[in-house]
Protein backbone atom coordinates (compact mmCIF):
# COMPACT_ATOMS: atom_id res chain seq x y z
CA MET A 1 111.66 98.99 123.48
CA ASP A 2 112.08 95.57 121.81
CA LEU A 3 109.77 94.63 118.75
CA SER A 4 108.94 90.78 119.94
CA LEU A 5 106.91 92.50 122.38
CA PHE A 6 104.43 93.46 119.44
CA GLN A 7 105.03 89.64 117.92
CA TYR A 8 101.46 86.87 118.36
CA ASP A 9 100.60 83.53 117.10
CA TYR A 10 97.15 83.05 114.59
CA PRO A 11 96.34 80.29 112.36
CA GLN A 12 96.83 80.93 108.87
CA GLU A 13 93.09 79.91 107.92
CA LEU A 14 91.96 83.54 109.80
CA ILE A 15 93.42 85.30 107.15
CA ALA A 16 90.52 86.36 104.82
CA GLN A 17 91.32 85.73 101.08
CA HIS A 18 88.12 87.36 99.83
CA PRO A 19 85.99 89.94 100.91
CA LEU A 20 82.63 89.14 102.98
CA PRO A 21 79.35 89.53 99.96
CA LYS A 22 78.20 92.63 101.49
CA ARG A 23 80.96 95.86 103.00
CA ASP A 24 79.24 96.20 106.43
CA SER A 25 78.38 92.42 107.24
CA SER A 26 81.69 92.34 108.94
CA ARG A 27 82.28 91.48 112.44
CA MET A 28 83.72 94.45 114.43
CA MET A 29 85.48 93.79 118.01
CA VAL A 30 84.31 96.98 120.35
CA LEU A 31 87.70 98.24 122.88
CA GLN A 32 86.92 100.57 125.19
CA ARG A 33 90.05 101.89 127.02
CA PRO A 34 90.41 102.49 130.53
CA THR A 35 88.36 105.47 131.81
CA ASP A 36 90.43 106.41 134.94
CA GLU A 37 94.05 105.56 136.59
CA HIS A 38 92.00 103.09 138.98
CA MET A 39 91.34 100.62 136.07
CA LEU A 40 93.70 98.51 135.40
CA THR A 41 92.42 97.57 131.84
CA GLY A 42 89.36 97.99 129.43
CA THR A 43 86.45 96.31 128.40
CA ILE A 44 86.04 93.83 125.05
CA CYS A 45 82.46 93.19 123.88
CA ASN A 46 81.97 91.51 120.25
CA GLU A 47 79.70 93.27 117.74
CA TRP A 48 78.82 93.82 114.13
CA VAL A 49 80.34 96.72 111.85
CA LYS A 50 76.64 97.35 110.88
CA ASN A 51 75.82 98.44 114.94
CA LEU A 52 78.73 101.10 114.76
CA PRO A 53 76.28 104.02 114.60
CA ALA A 54 75.07 102.90 118.00
CA TYR A 55 78.87 103.33 119.64
CA LEU A 56 78.94 106.86 117.78
CA GLN A 57 77.33 110.45 119.47
CA LYS A 58 75.78 113.27 118.29
CA GLY A 59 79.04 115.73 117.55
CA ASP A 60 80.86 113.35 116.95
CA LEU A 61 83.44 113.66 113.03
CA LEU A 62 84.35 110.45 111.23
CA VAL A 63 87.28 111.04 109.38
CA PHE A 64 88.43 108.88 106.20
CA ASN A 65 90.79 108.31 103.88
CA ASP A 66 89.59 109.24 99.73
CA THR A 67 92.66 107.92 98.27
CA LYS A 68 92.19 105.48 95.17
CA VAL A 69 94.28 102.82 94.64
CA PHE A 70 95.36 101.96 91.42
CA PRO A 71 96.35 98.33 89.71
CA ALA A 72 100.06 99.15 90.81
CA ARG A 73 101.24 95.47 90.72
CA LEU A 74 102.81 94.25 87.42
CA LEU A 75 104.15 91.01 86.11
CA SER A 76 106.91 89.90 83.48
CA GLY A 77 107.61 86.57 83.51
CA LYS A 78 108.61 85.50 86.85
CA MET A 79 109.44 89.02 87.65
CA GLU A 80 107.08 91.21 90.12
CA ILE A 81 106.92 94.95 90.49
CA LEU A 82 104.79 97.44 92.24
CA LEU A 83 104.54 101.16 91.60
CA LEU A 84 105.03 103.07 94.42
CA GLU A 85 105.10 106.78 92.95
CA LYS A 86 106.12 108.98 89.93
CA CYS A 87 109.36 110.35 90.81
CA GLY A 88 110.44 111.76 87.23
CA PRO A 89 109.20 113.99 84.49
CA ASP A 90 108.91 110.85 82.14
CA GLU A 91 107.89 107.94 83.84
CA THR A 92 110.36 107.02 85.72
CA TRP A 93 109.13 105.55 88.82
CA LYS A 94 109.75 104.37 92.55
CA CYS A 95 109.28 100.78 92.85
CA LEU A 96 109.74 97.31 95.28
CA GLY A 97 110.27 94.28 92.99
CA LYS A 98 111.24 90.37 93.93
CA PRO A 99 113.29 88.58 93.71
CA LEU A 100 115.02 91.43 94.27
CA LYS A 101 118.56 89.88 93.53
CA LYS A 102 117.63 89.53 89.97
CA LEU A 103 116.84 92.81 89.49
CA GLY A 104 119.97 94.33 88.23
CA GLU A 105 120.30 97.94 86.93
CA GLY A 106 119.87 97.85 83.06
CA LEU A 107 117.93 94.67 82.99
CA GLN A 108 114.47 95.56 80.88
CA LEU A 109 111.50 94.06 81.62
CA ILE A 110 108.72 93.42 79.08
CA PHE A 111 105.11 93.61 80.75
CA SER A 112 103.27 93.78 77.38
CA GLU A 113 103.43 94.58 73.76
CA ASN A 114 102.78 98.12 74.86
CA LEU A 115 104.62 98.72 78.23
CA LYS A 116 108.45 97.95 78.87
CA GLY A 117 110.36 99.40 81.72
CA THR A 118 114.51 99.57 82.37
CA ILE A 119 115.60 99.32 85.49
CA ILE A 120 118.51 102.40 86.24
CA GLN A 121 118.74 101.75 89.98
CA ASN A 122 118.46 99.16 92.87
CA ARG A 123 119.07 100.80 96.27
CA GLU A 124 117.99 100.04 99.62
CA ASP A 125 115.35 97.33 98.24
CA VAL A 126 113.67 100.28 96.34
CA LEU A 127 114.01 100.15 92.15
CA ARG A 128 113.96 103.00 90.09
CA ILE A 129 112.61 102.23 86.80
CA GLN A 130 112.01 103.98 83.56
CA PHE A 131 109.19 103.19 81.68
CA GLU A 132 108.12 102.80 78.05
CA SER A 133 104.95 103.33 76.46
CA LYS A 134 102.53 104.95 74.36
CA ASN A 135 100.04 105.67 76.89
CA PHE A 136 101.27 104.70 80.01
CA GLU A 137 98.23 105.58 82.23
CA GLU A 138 96.01 103.49 79.64
CA GLU A 139 98.21 100.67 79.60
CA ILE A 140 98.67 100.27 83.78
CA GLU A 141 94.75 100.29 83.71
CA LYS A 142 94.23 98.10 81.34
CA ILE A 143 97.58 95.14 82.39
CA GLY A 144 98.03 95.98 86.41
CA LEU A 145 97.10 93.99 89.31
CA PRO A 146 94.96 95.32 92.09
CA PRO A 147 98.18 95.90 94.77
CA LEU A 148 96.67 92.99 97.22
CA PRO A 149 99.15 92.24 99.75
CA PRO A 150 101.32 88.82 99.87
CA TYR A 151 99.38 87.22 102.46
CA ILE A 152 96.06 86.85 100.15
CA ARG A 153 96.63 84.33 97.93
CA ARG A 154 96.44 84.86 94.08
CA LYS A 155 99.09 82.79 91.99
CA SER A 156 99.15 84.49 88.94
CA ALA A 157 97.42 87.09 87.15
CA ALA A 158 94.26 84.57 86.35
CA ASP A 159 93.47 84.08 89.73
CA TYR A 160 92.80 88.39 90.05
CA THR A 161 88.52 88.43 89.97
CA LYS A 162 86.44 91.32 89.24
CA GLU A 163 86.00 90.98 92.92
CA ASP A 164 89.31 92.14 93.76
CA ARG A 165 88.95 95.21 91.26
CA VAL A 166 86.09 96.34 93.11
CA ARG A 167 86.54 95.61 96.81
CA TYR A 168 89.71 96.36 96.80
CA GLN A 169 89.11 99.80 97.26
CA SER A 170 86.60 102.08 99.67
CA ILE A 171 83.56 103.43 98.46
CA PHE A 172 85.20 106.88 98.78
CA ALA A 173 88.31 106.58 96.83
CA ARG A 174 88.38 109.49 95.04
CA HIS A 175 92.26 110.28 94.27
CA LYS A 176 94.69 108.43 92.29
CA GLY A 177 97.69 107.44 93.99
CA SER A 178 97.66 104.85 96.34
CA ALA A 179 99.74 101.46 96.39
CA ALA A 180 98.05 99.52 98.81
CA ALA A 181 94.18 100.40 100.00
CA PRO A 182 92.82 102.03 103.71
CA THR A 183 90.84 98.94 104.76
CA ALA A 184 89.48 99.74 107.11
CA SER A 185 86.87 101.67 104.97
CA PHE A 186 86.14 98.70 103.24
CA HIS A 187 83.24 98.26 105.79
CA PHE A 188 81.13 101.06 105.22
CA SER A 189 78.27 101.06 102.42
CA GLN A 190 76.42 103.81 101.25
CA LYS A 191 73.21 102.38 103.70
CA MET A 192 75.93 102.63 106.43
CA LEU A 193 77.00 105.94 105.75
CA GLU A 194 73.45 106.73 105.64
CA ALA A 195 72.95 105.51 108.72
CA ILE A 196 75.64 107.67 110.23
CA LYS A 197 74.59 111.46 109.09
CA ASN A 198 70.98 110.78 109.90
CA LYS A 199 72.44 110.20 113.74
CA GLY A 200 73.55 113.57 113.14
CA ILE A 201 77.42 112.80 112.96
CA GLU A 202 79.36 114.15 110.52
CA THR A 203 81.98 112.75 108.11
CA ALA A 204 84.96 113.97 106.52
CA THR A 205 88.24 113.25 104.41
CA ILE A 206 91.72 113.57 104.21
CA THR A 207 94.20 112.11 101.28
CA LEU A 208 97.28 109.91 101.99
CA HIS A 209 98.62 107.88 99.33
CA VAL A 210 99.65 104.63 100.73
CA SER A 211 103.15 103.30 100.36
CA ARG A 212 105.82 101.33 101.54
CA ASP A 213 105.62 102.96 105.27
CA THR A 214 102.36 101.22 105.50
CA PHE A 215 102.91 98.08 104.41
CA LEU A 216 106.98 97.11 104.95
CA PRO A 217 107.85 94.90 108.30
CA ILE A 218 109.99 96.79 110.58
CA ARG A 219 113.45 95.36 110.62
CA GLU A 220 115.21 96.63 114.08
CA ALA A 221 115.04 95.09 117.08
CA ASP A 222 114.40 98.31 118.58
CA ILE A 223 111.51 99.83 117.52
CA GLN A 224 113.12 103.14 118.13
CA LYS A 225 115.25 102.37 115.24
CA HIS A 226 113.18 101.87 112.55
CA LYS A 227 112.93 104.89 109.85
CA MET A 228 110.10 105.93 108.16
CA HIS A 229 110.23 106.51 104.04
CA GLY A 230 107.07 109.47 104.17
CA GLU A 231 103.95 109.25 102.12
CA ARG A 232 102.07 111.58 100.50
CA PHE A 233 99.14 113.36 101.92
CA HIS A 234 96.88 116.82 101.88
CA ILE A 235 93.87 117.78 104.94
CA PRO A 236 91.08 119.64 103.15
CA ASP A 237 90.81 123.04 105.13
CA GLU A 238 86.94 122.33 105.06
CA THR A 239 88.31 118.56 107.03
CA LYS A 240 90.55 121.19 109.42
CA GLU A 241 87.57 123.68 110.07
CA LYS A 242 85.03 120.53 110.90
CA ILE A 243 87.67 118.95 113.55
CA ALA A 244 88.05 122.62 114.97
CA ARG A 245 84.47 122.63 115.26
CA THR A 246 84.41 119.19 116.83
CA LYS A 247 87.15 119.80 119.17
CA GLN A 248 85.18 123.01 120.60
CA ASN A 249 82.24 121.55 120.84
CA GLY A 250 83.08 118.47 122.90
CA GLY A 251 82.93 115.72 120.11
CA ARG A 252 85.38 112.91 119.24
CA VAL A 253 87.11 112.91 116.32
CA ILE A 254 87.19 109.36 115.15
CA ALA A 255 90.16 108.04 112.62
CA ILE A 256 88.59 105.55 110.22
CA GLY A 257 91.90 103.48 109.65
CA THR A 258 95.46 104.12 110.37
CA THR A 259 95.98 106.11 107.64
CA VAL A 260 94.18 108.39 108.74
CA VAL A 261 95.50 108.83 112.11
CA ARG A 262 99.00 109.15 110.19
CA ALA A 263 97.19 111.68 108.47
CA LEU A 264 95.94 113.95 111.61
CA GLU A 265 98.40 113.74 114.03
CA SER A 266 101.04 114.56 111.41
CA ASP A 267 101.98 118.45 110.26
CA TRP A 268 99.60 119.57 108.54
CA SER A 269 101.60 122.09 106.62
CA GLN A 270 103.79 119.48 105.28
CA PRO A 271 103.18 117.62 101.51
CA VAL A 272 104.71 114.16 102.85
CA THR A 273 104.69 112.73 106.50
CA TYR A 274 107.47 110.97 107.69
CA HIS A 275 105.06 110.18 111.60
CA TYR A 276 106.00 107.32 113.23
CA ILE A 277 103.57 106.43 115.69
CA TYR A 278 104.92 103.76 118.34
CA PRO A 279 103.92 103.34 122.40
CA GLY A 280 105.16 106.43 123.84
CA THR A 281 103.58 109.10 121.16
CA PRO A 282 101.09 111.17 122.31
CA PHE A 283 97.81 112.31 120.34
CA LYS A 284 96.78 115.51 120.03
CA MET A 285 93.80 115.11 117.62
CA VAL A 286 92.49 111.48 117.46
CA ASP A 287 89.97 110.43 120.17
CA GLY A 288 88.78 107.16 118.51
CA ILE A 289 89.97 104.37 115.86
CA LEU A 290 88.14 101.92 113.60
CA THR A 291 90.95 99.89 112.20
CA ASN A 292 91.23 96.13 110.67
CA PHE A 293 93.60 93.73 112.51
CA HIS A 294 97.33 93.88 111.47
CA GLN A 295 99.95 91.30 111.32
CA PRO A 296 102.79 91.32 114.10
CA GLY A 297 105.13 93.36 114.47
CA SER A 298 104.36 95.94 112.11
CA THR A 299 104.36 99.55 112.06
CA LEU A 300 100.00 99.39 112.35
CA ILE A 301 100.59 97.44 114.98
CA LEU A 302 102.67 99.52 117.24
CA MET A 303 100.40 102.57 115.97
CA VAL A 304 97.08 101.23 117.49
CA ALA A 305 99.49 99.79 120.75
CA ALA A 306 100.48 103.21 121.28
CA PHE A 307 96.63 103.93 121.48
CA ALA A 308 95.37 101.25 123.18
CA GLY A 309 97.84 99.91 125.44
CA ARG A 310 100.21 97.21 124.33
CA GLU A 311 98.98 94.46 126.81
CA PHE A 312 95.20 95.73 126.10
CA LEU A 313 95.52 95.32 122.77
CA LEU A 314 97.28 92.08 122.16
CA GLN A 315 94.90 90.89 125.11
CA SER A 316 92.11 91.46 122.58
CA TYR A 317 93.88 89.88 119.24
CA GLN A 318 94.35 86.56 121.65
CA GLU A 319 90.38 87.27 121.91
CA ALA A 320 89.48 87.84 118.38
CA ILE A 321 91.45 84.33 117.61
CA SER A 322 89.54 82.37 120.00
CA GLU A 323 86.48 84.04 118.60
CA ARG A 324 87.58 83.18 114.92
CA TYR A 325 87.73 86.46 113.48
CA ARG A 326 89.05 87.17 110.04
CA LEU A 327 92.27 88.56 109.79
CA PHE A 328 94.14 91.37 107.70
CA SER A 329 93.04 93.58 105.00
CA TYR A 330 89.54 91.57 103.69
CA GLY A 331 88.80 90.51 107.74
CA ASP A 332 86.65 92.18 110.30
CA CYS A 333 87.52 95.03 112.06
CA MET A 334 88.13 96.47 115.90
CA LEU A 335 86.83 99.90 117.12
CA LEU A 336 89.08 101.64 120.12
CA LEU A 337 87.57 104.18 121.77
């Protein structure tokens, strides 16, 4: 299947550059998939995320990703580094960087008086950098920046605000390790969570540390040739038990975000998932998805297309654009049932 089938055009001004003042004030497009083979397409309804409880039923289970984003973006002059994961006993990390061609092996980068790094490998778009610091984690928390995606425009370190540090993080964040946020969770406030629980709807968590599989573009024209690099994840026993009980009682497992989908549809016995979901991939665990709008040609839009159907999903995106929905990480969301 050709990647061009998952492209669409959108006005740049619809990319949300800042979150709304309240977490639960976003719009929510509700997609109801065809309920039987005689229906040619599903239905689309324009809603507000604060009304999500009205679309849930007693016995449903909402599953959230409780990973915590760390300030993974580092600047050294005109060089930019994104920390992905630690890969050695010392402070050696896998990273992404730009401009990549100027980040040659042996180059030393100075991030602050207390943090330096030497590039020890530059291969297949991924860097290995050995850092030198008396207290690495403390210094990262001090000088690191939130790893906002490039379409959220911040020209310099001064453009990052306290709002970015607070709101590019969900209220569920517990386990530090993500180089990007599970953005569907941004829409949940404590008040909304209480309303959901008061309706008899259970919640559970998984941990998937977001890395380059989630945000790197597909470079192959044939989507089946795309290779995943792996993301660390964990499903707690309590969550496994809740899922089994929900399924046994006829409830729905609703994933809050694509990272939760990837985790739930993976082999739970493994610490890393390479699961690549695209049209034709079966779903075994997930009955519904709440997710933000995704960039064209991304692994995330392929995953959602696998669940909703490509034509129906792209139809919904065109309606979202005509209705002026806010797009991507700080934007609005859709509920697929």
